[in-house]
Protein backbone atom coordinates (compact mmCIF):
# COMPACT_ATOMS: atom_id res chain seq x y z
CA MET A 1 4.08 1.71 19.41
CA VAL A 2 3.78 4.36 16.73
CA GLY A 3 5.60 7.66 16.36
CA GLN A 4 3.81 10.98 16.76
CA GLU A 5 4.34 11.93 13.11
CA LEU A 6 2.74 8.70 11.86
CA THR A 7 -0.16 9.12 14.27
CA THR A 8 -0.77 12.65 12.97
CA VAL A 9 -0.67 11.51 9.34
CA LEU A 10 -3.07 8.64 10.02
CA LYS A 11 -5.53 10.94 11.79
CA GLN A 12 -5.45 13.31 8.80
CA LEU A 13 -5.94 10.41 6.38
CA ILE A 14 -8.96 9.13 8.31
CA HIS A 15 -10.41 12.64 8.39
CA ASP A 16 -9.90 13.07 4.63
CA LEU A 17 -11.47 9.69 3.81
CA GLN A 18 -14.60 10.50 5.79
CA GLY A 19 -15.32 13.49 3.58
CA GLU A 20 -16.77 13.37 0.07
CA ARG A 21 -13.69 14.71 -1.70
CA TYR A 22 -11.98 11.31 -1.87
CA ARG A 23 -13.30 7.86 -2.63
CA TYR A 24 -11.62 4.82 -1.10
CA ASP A 25 -11.89 1.41 -2.76
CA ILE A 26 -10.11 -1.37 -0.88
CA LYS A 27 -10.87 -3.90 -3.65
CA ARG A 28 -8.97 -1.81 -6.21
CA ALA A 29 -6.02 -1.54 -3.86
CA HIS A 30 -5.94 -5.27 -3.16
CA ARG A 31 -6.09 -6.06 -6.89
CA ARG A 32 -2.96 -3.95 -7.41
CA ILE A 33 -1.18 -5.60 -4.49
CA ALA A 34 -2.09 -9.08 -5.77
CA PHE A 35 -0.89 -8.18 -9.27
CA ILE A 36 2.48 -6.94 -8.01
CA GLU A 37 3.06 -9.99 -5.83
CA ARG A 38 1.88 -12.46 -8.47
CA PHE A 39 3.31 -11.12 -11.72
CA CYS A 40 6.20 -8.73 -10.94
CA LYS A 41 9.55 -10.47 -10.62
CA HIS A 42 13.00 -9.35 -9.52
CA THR A 43 15.48 -8.93 -12.38
CA LYS A 44 18.80 -8.95 -10.52
CA SER A 45 20.66 -11.43 -8.32
CA PRO A 46 20.31 -12.80 -5.72
CA PHE A 47 16.52 -12.63 -6.13
CA HIS A 48 16.35 -12.96 -9.94
CA GLY A 49 13.05 -14.47 -11.04
CA LYS A 50 11.50 -14.44 -7.58
CA PRO A 51 8.25 -12.52 -7.03
CA PHE A 52 8.09 -9.21 -5.22
CA LEU A 53 6.77 -9.72 -1.71
CA LEU A 54 5.59 -6.36 -0.48
CA GLU A 55 6.31 -5.23 3.06
CA LEU A 56 3.37 -4.20 5.21
CA TRP A 57 4.22 -0.49 4.85
CA GLU A 58 4.33 -0.87 1.03
CA LYS A 59 0.89 -2.48 1.03
CA ALA A 60 -0.38 0.32 3.27
CA PHE A 61 0.99 2.91 0.83
CA ILE A 62 -0.79 1.25 -2.11
CA GLU A 63 -4.03 1.07 -0.12
CA VAL A 64 -3.84 4.79 0.61
CA VAL A 65 -3.31 5.62 -3.06
CA TYR A 66 -6.37 3.61 -4.14
């Protein structure tokens, strides 16, 4: 179940992506996500040295940006 605000934002995003003003490249987004999860590490305890594992909403944010 999704909130009304999120539904409205998603509808607007889909509308914007269907136009010619923006270009969406899922491969570019997934390269950034893979880089973060593979090479970026935590620097403080208790997760020091462990890779960042992005939450689903964080991956969605990166996909929207790229």
